[in-house]
Amino acid sequence: MPIPEFELRRVEKLLGEYCEQRVPPNVRHEVMLRFITCGDLVTLYEERPYHLDKARTTRTGIAQFEYDTKLAGWRLYCHARGQWRPFNLVKGVHRFEDLLGEVNADTIGIFWG
């Protein structure tokens, strides 16, 4: 089920601000943070120019957030070995801000390396 409109707008605002703040302006020609929404998922990814063809870009998944409509909360996934996997350090459903804080803190190096 899709994310409720109010929650989606709130998350888009938070993630937009986060992406702007996370990447300094002087390197945005080399790397950008972006996000995309699809149904009940919001995916945060890094976009860089492709090294063999600067007209193309590559995307690397950073984090994925899944909205649980029944519980009105979020789950967090990390990208490991080419797949989205539950981030087991936070179990259950949380507020989006809490999970974005987990991604930013990255205490075990799973999101930012």
N, C-alpha and C. Protein backbone atom coordinates (compact mmCIF):
# COMPACT_ATOMS: atom_id res chain seq x y z
N MET A 1 0.84 -1.18 0.00
CA MET A 1 0.00 0.00 0.00
C MET A 1 0.89 1.24 0.00
N PRO A 2 0.51 2.27 -0.72
CA PRO A 2 1.35 3.46 -0.77
C PRO A 2 1.41 4.21 0.56
N ILE A 3 2.44 4.99 0.68
CA ILE A 3 2.64 5.82 1.86
C ILE A 3 1.57 6.92 1.87
N PRO A 4 0.93 7.18 3.01
CA PRO A 4 -0.05 8.27 3.07
C PRO A 4 0.59 9.59 2.62
N GLU A 5 -0.20 10.38 1.93
CA GLU A 5 0.30 11.61 1.30
C GLU A 5 1.01 12.54 2.28
N PHE A 6 0.43 12.76 3.45
CA PHE A 6 1.05 13.66 4.43
C PHE A 6 2.41 13.13 4.87
N GLU A 7 2.49 11.83 5.15
CA GLU A 7 3.75 11.21 5.58
C GLU A 7 4.77 11.25 4.45
N LEU A 8 4.34 11.01 3.24
CA LEU A 8 5.24 11.05 2.09
C LEU A 8 5.86 12.44 1.92
N ARG A 9 5.04 13.48 2.01
CA ARG A 9 5.55 14.86 1.86
C ARG A 9 6.54 15.19 2.97
N ARG A 10 6.25 14.74 4.17
CA ARG A 10 7.13 14.97 5.32
C ARG A 10 8.48 14.28 5.11
N VAL A 11 8.44 13.04 4.67
CA VAL A 11 9.66 12.27 4.43
C VAL A 11 10.46 12.87 3.27
N GLU A 12 9.79 13.29 2.22
CA GLU A 12 10.49 13.92 1.10
C GLU A 12 11.21 15.19 1.54
N LYS A 13 10.58 15.96 2.41
CA LYS A 13 11.21 17.18 2.92
C LYS A 13 12.44 16.83 3.76
N LEU A 14 12.30 15.87 4.68
CA LEU A 14 13.42 15.46 5.53
C LEU A 14 14.58 14.91 4.71
N LEU A 15 14.27 14.04 3.76
CA LEU A 15 15.34 13.45 2.95
C LEU A 15 15.97 14.47 2.01
N GLY A 16 15.18 15.36 1.48
CA GLY A 16 15.73 16.42 0.63
C GLY A 16 16.74 17.26 1.38
N GLU A 17 16.39 17.65 2.59
CA GLU A 17 17.31 18.42 3.43
C GLU A 17 18.55 17.60 3.79
N TYR A 18 18.35 16.33 4.10
CA TYR A 18 19.46 15.45 4.46
C TYR A 18 20.45 15.32 3.29
N CYS A 19 19.93 15.09 2.10
CA CYS A 19 20.79 14.94 0.93
C CYS A 19 21.59 16.21 0.66
N GLU A 20 20.95 17.36 0.81
CA GLU A 20 21.63 18.64 0.62
C GLU A 20 22.76 18.83 1.63
N GLN A 21 22.50 18.48 2.88
CA GLN A 21 23.48 18.71 3.95
C GLN A 21 24.60 17.68 3.93
N ARG A 22 24.33 16.47 3.50
CA ARG A 22 25.31 15.38 3.58
C ARG A 22 26.45 15.55 2.57
N VAL A 23 26.15 16.09 1.39
CA VAL A 23 27.16 16.24 0.34
C VAL A 23 27.54 17.72 0.21
N PRO A 24 28.79 18.05 0.47
CA PRO A 24 29.23 19.44 0.35
C PRO A 24 29.09 19.94 -1.10
N PRO A 25 28.76 21.22 -1.28
CA PRO A 25 28.57 21.76 -2.63
C PRO A 25 29.78 21.57 -3.55
N ASN A 26 30.97 21.61 -3.01
CA ASN A 26 32.17 21.54 -3.86
C ASN A 26 32.43 20.14 -4.44
N VAL A 27 31.70 19.11 -4.01
CA VAL A 27 31.89 17.77 -4.59
C VAL A 27 30.63 17.24 -5.28
N ARG A 28 29.62 18.06 -5.40
CA ARG A 28 28.36 17.59 -5.99
C ARG A 28 28.49 17.26 -7.47
N HIS A 29 29.54 17.69 -8.12
CA HIS A 29 29.77 17.29 -9.51
C HIS A 29 30.33 15.86 -9.57
N GLU A 30 30.81 15.35 -8.43
CA GLU A 30 31.37 14.00 -8.35
C GLU A 30 30.41 13.00 -7.71
N VAL A 31 29.59 13.46 -6.79
CA VAL A 31 28.67 12.55 -6.08
C VAL A 31 27.44 13.33 -5.62
N MET A 32 26.30 12.68 -5.76
CA MET A 32 25.04 13.27 -5.29
C MET A 32 24.28 12.21 -4.51
N LEU A 33 23.55 12.64 -3.52
CA LEU A 33 22.60 11.76 -2.83
C LEU A 33 21.22 12.09 -3.36
N ARG A 34 20.49 11.06 -3.66
CA ARG A 34 19.13 11.22 -4.18
C ARG A 34 18.24 10.16 -3.54
N PHE A 35 16.96 10.30 -3.74
CA PHE A 35 16.03 9.28 -3.26
C PHE A 35 14.89 9.14 -4.24
N ILE A 36 14.27 7.98 -4.17
CA ILE A 36 13.13 7.69 -5.04
C ILE A 36 12.08 6.97 -4.20
N THR A 37 10.82 7.23 -4.50
CA THR A 37 9.73 6.55 -3.79
C THR A 37 8.99 5.65 -4.78
N CYS A 38 8.54 4.51 -4.27
CA CYS A 38 7.76 3.58 -5.09
C CYS A 38 6.88 2.77 -4.15
N GLY A 39 5.59 2.99 -4.20
CA GLY A 39 4.66 2.27 -3.32
C GLY A 39 4.93 2.60 -1.87
N ASP A 40 5.30 1.59 -1.08
CA ASP A 40 5.57 1.81 0.34
C ASP A 40 7.06 1.91 0.65
N LEU A 41 7.88 2.08 -0.40
CA LEU A 41 9.34 2.13 -0.24
C LEU A 41 9.90 3.50 -0.59
N VAL A 42 10.91 3.90 0.17
CA VAL A 42 11.71 5.08 -0.14
C VAL A 42 13.16 4.61 -0.15
N THR A 43 13.85 4.82 -1.26
CA THR A 43 15.21 4.35 -1.41
C THR A 43 16.16 5.53 -1.51
N LEU A 44 17.16 5.54 -0.64
CA LEU A 44 18.23 6.54 -0.65
C LEU A 44 19.40 5.93 -1.41
N TYR A 45 19.93 6.66 -2.39
CA TYR A 45 21.04 6.14 -3.17
C TYR A 45 22.05 7.23 -3.50
N GLU A 46 23.24 6.78 -3.84
CA GLU A 46 24.33 7.67 -4.25
C GLU A 46 24.43 7.59 -5.76
N GLU A 47 24.61 8.74 -6.39
CA GLU A 47 24.74 8.78 -7.85
C GLU A 47 26.05 9.44 -8.21
N ARG A 48 26.82 8.80 -9.09
CA ARG A 48 28.12 9.31 -9.52
C ARG A 48 28.22 9.20 -11.05
N PRO A 49 29.06 10.05 -11.66
CA PRO A 49 29.33 9.86 -13.09
C PRO A 49 30.03 8.51 -13.31
N TYR A 50 29.65 7.82 -14.36
CA TYR A 50 30.26 6.54 -14.71
C TYR A 50 31.67 6.82 -15.22
N HIS A 51 32.65 6.12 -14.69
CA HIS A 51 34.05 6.44 -14.99
C HIS A 51 34.43 6.25 -16.45
N LEU A 52 33.75 5.40 -17.19
CA LEU A 52 34.07 5.19 -18.61
C LEU A 52 33.31 6.12 -19.55
N ASP A 53 32.23 6.70 -19.04
CA ASP A 53 31.41 7.59 -19.87
C ASP A 53 30.74 8.60 -18.95
N LYS A 54 31.34 9.78 -18.86
CA LYS A 54 30.86 10.80 -17.91
C LYS A 54 29.44 11.29 -18.21
N ALA A 55 28.91 10.98 -19.39
CA ALA A 55 27.54 11.35 -19.71
C ALA A 55 26.53 10.43 -19.01
N ARG A 56 27.01 9.28 -18.53
CA ARG A 56 26.15 8.34 -17.83
C ARG A 56 26.45 8.40 -16.33
N THR A 57 25.53 7.88 -15.54
CA THR A 57 25.74 7.84 -14.09
C THR A 57 25.54 6.42 -13.57
N THR A 58 26.09 6.17 -12.40
CA THR A 58 25.87 4.91 -11.71
C THR A 58 25.16 5.21 -10.40
N ARG A 59 24.38 4.24 -9.94
CA ARG A 59 23.65 4.38 -8.68
C ARG A 59 24.08 3.26 -7.73
N THR A 60 24.26 3.64 -6.48
CA THR A 60 24.58 2.68 -5.44
C THR A 60 23.57 2.86 -4.32
N GLY A 61 22.87 1.80 -3.97
CA GLY A 61 21.89 1.86 -2.89
C GLY A 61 22.56 2.09 -1.55
N ILE A 62 22.01 2.99 -0.76
CA ILE A 62 22.52 3.28 0.58
C ILE A 62 21.59 2.69 1.64
N ALA A 63 20.32 3.06 1.57
CA ALA A 63 19.35 2.60 2.56
C ALA A 63 17.97 2.57 1.93
N GLN A 64 17.14 1.69 2.46
CA GLN A 64 15.76 1.63 2.00
C GLN A 64 14.85 1.63 3.22
N PHE A 65 13.80 2.43 3.12
CA PHE A 65 12.84 2.58 4.20
C PHE A 65 11.50 2.05 3.71
N GLU A 66 10.87 1.19 4.50
CA GLU A 66 9.58 0.62 4.12
C GLU A 66 8.52 1.08 5.12
N TYR A 67 7.44 1.62 4.58
CA TYR A 67 6.35 2.09 5.43
C TYR A 67 5.36 0.95 5.67
N ASP A 68 5.02 0.73 6.93
CA ASP A 68 4.03 -0.26 7.32
C ASP A 68 2.72 0.47 7.62
N THR A 69 1.80 0.36 6.71
CA THR A 69 0.53 1.09 6.82
C THR A 69 -0.25 0.69 8.07
N LYS A 70 -0.29 -0.59 8.38
CA LYS A 70 -1.07 -1.07 9.53
C LYS A 70 -0.54 -0.51 10.84
N LEU A 71 0.79 -0.40 10.95
CA LEU A 71 1.40 0.07 12.19
C LEU A 71 1.81 1.55 12.14
N ALA A 72 1.62 2.17 10.98
CA ALA A 72 1.95 3.59 10.77
C ALA A 72 3.38 3.90 11.21
N GLY A 73 4.32 3.10 10.72
CA GLY A 73 5.72 3.31 11.04
C GLY A 73 6.62 2.73 9.97
N TRP A 74 7.92 2.82 10.19
CA TRP A 74 8.93 2.50 9.18
C TRP A 74 9.85 1.37 9.60
N ARG A 75 10.36 0.64 8.60
CA ARG A 75 11.41 -0.37 8.78
C ARG A 75 12.60 0.05 7.91
N LEU A 76 13.79 -0.36 8.34
CA LEU A 76 15.02 0.03 7.67
C LEU A 76 15.72 -1.18 7.06
N TYR A 77 16.24 -1.00 5.85
CA TYR A 77 16.99 -2.03 5.15
C TYR A 77 18.33 -1.46 4.69
N CYS A 78 19.35 -2.32 4.67
CA CYS A 78 20.66 -1.93 4.14
C CYS A 78 20.91 -2.72 2.86
N HIS A 79 21.81 -2.22 2.04
CA HIS A 79 22.14 -2.88 0.77
C HIS A 79 23.44 -3.65 0.97
N ALA A 80 23.35 -4.97 0.94
CA ALA A 80 24.52 -5.81 1.15
C ALA A 80 24.52 -6.96 0.16
N ARG A 81 25.65 -7.19 -0.45
CA ARG A 81 25.80 -8.28 -1.42
C ARG A 81 24.75 -8.22 -2.52
N GLY A 82 24.45 -7.00 -2.97
CA GLY A 82 23.52 -6.83 -4.07
C GLY A 82 22.05 -6.97 -3.74
N GLN A 83 21.71 -7.08 -2.44
CA GLN A 83 20.31 -7.23 -2.06
C GLN A 83 19.98 -6.30 -0.89
N TRP A 84 18.70 -5.97 -0.80
CA TRP A 84 18.21 -5.23 0.36
C TRP A 84 17.94 -6.23 1.47
N ARG A 85 18.54 -5.96 2.64
CA ARG A 85 18.39 -6.85 3.79
C ARG A 85 17.93 -6.04 5.00
N PRO A 86 17.11 -6.64 5.87
CA PRO A 86 16.70 -5.91 7.08
C PRO A 86 17.92 -5.49 7.89
N PHE A 87 17.89 -4.26 8.38
CA PHE A 87 18.96 -3.77 9.25
C PHE A 87 18.60 -4.23 10.66
N ASN A 88 19.25 -5.29 11.11
CA ASN A 88 18.84 -5.98 12.32
C ASN A 88 19.19 -5.27 13.62
N LEU A 89 19.95 -4.19 13.56
CA LEU A 89 20.25 -3.47 14.81
C LEU A 89 19.05 -2.67 15.30
N VAL A 90 18.09 -2.42 14.43
CA VAL A 90 16.84 -1.78 14.85
C VAL A 90 15.69 -2.68 14.40
N LYS A 91 15.02 -3.23 15.34
CA LYS A 91 13.92 -4.15 15.04
C LYS A 91 12.58 -3.43 15.22
N GLY A 92 11.60 -3.89 14.49
CA GLY A 92 10.28 -3.31 14.64
C GLY A 92 10.09 -2.07 13.80
N VAL A 93 9.06 -1.34 14.14
CA VAL A 93 8.64 -0.17 13.39
C VAL A 93 9.02 1.09 14.15
N HIS A 94 9.54 2.07 13.43
CA HIS A 94 10.04 3.30 14.06
C HIS A 94 9.57 4.55 13.31
N ARG A 95 9.85 5.69 13.91
CA ARG A 95 9.64 6.96 13.21
C ARG A 95 10.71 7.10 12.15
N PHE A 96 10.38 7.73 11.04
CA PHE A 96 11.33 7.89 9.95
C PHE A 96 12.60 8.61 10.41
N GLU A 97 12.44 9.65 11.23
CA GLU A 97 13.58 10.43 11.70
C GLU A 97 14.58 9.57 12.47
N ASP A 98 14.07 8.62 13.25
CA ASP A 98 14.94 7.74 14.01
C ASP A 98 15.78 6.86 13.09
N LEU A 99 15.15 6.35 12.05
CA LEU A 99 15.87 5.48 11.12
C LEU A 99 16.86 6.27 10.27
N LEU A 100 16.50 7.47 9.89
CA LEU A 100 17.45 8.32 9.15
C LEU A 100 18.65 8.64 10.04
N GLY A 101 18.41 8.81 11.32
CA GLY A 101 19.51 9.02 12.28
C GLY A 101 20.42 7.80 12.35
N GLU A 102 19.85 6.60 12.28
CA GLU A 102 20.65 5.36 12.26
C GLU A 102 21.53 5.31 11.02
N VAL A 103 20.96 5.68 9.87
CA VAL A 103 21.73 5.69 8.63
C VAL A 103 22.87 6.70 8.74
N ASN A 104 22.58 7.87 9.24
CA ASN A 104 23.59 8.91 9.36
C ASN A 104 24.71 8.52 10.33
N ALA A 105 24.35 7.95 11.47
CA ALA A 105 25.35 7.54 12.47
C ALA A 105 26.18 6.36 11.97
N ASP A 106 25.55 5.43 11.30
CA ASP A 106 26.21 4.27 10.70
C ASP A 106 27.26 3.65 11.63
N THR A 107 26.82 3.22 12.78
CA THR A 107 27.73 2.75 13.82
C THR A 107 28.55 1.52 13.44
N ILE A 108 28.09 0.74 12.44
CA ILE A 108 28.87 -0.44 12.04
C ILE A 108 29.40 -0.35 10.60
N GLY A 109 29.24 0.78 9.95
CA GLY A 109 29.81 0.98 8.62
C GLY A 109 29.08 0.26 7.49
N ILE A 110 27.81 -0.03 7.66
CA ILE A 110 27.06 -0.76 6.64
C ILE A 110 26.47 0.18 5.57
N PHE A 111 26.18 1.41 5.93
CA PHE A 111 25.58 2.33 4.98
C PHE A 111 26.62 3.15 4.21
N TRP A 112 27.58 3.68 4.92
CA TRP A 112 28.56 4.59 4.31
C TRP A 112 29.95 3.97 4.16
N GLY A 113 30.09 2.72 4.57
CA GLY A 113 31.37 2.02 4.36
C GLY A 113 32.36 2.17 5.39
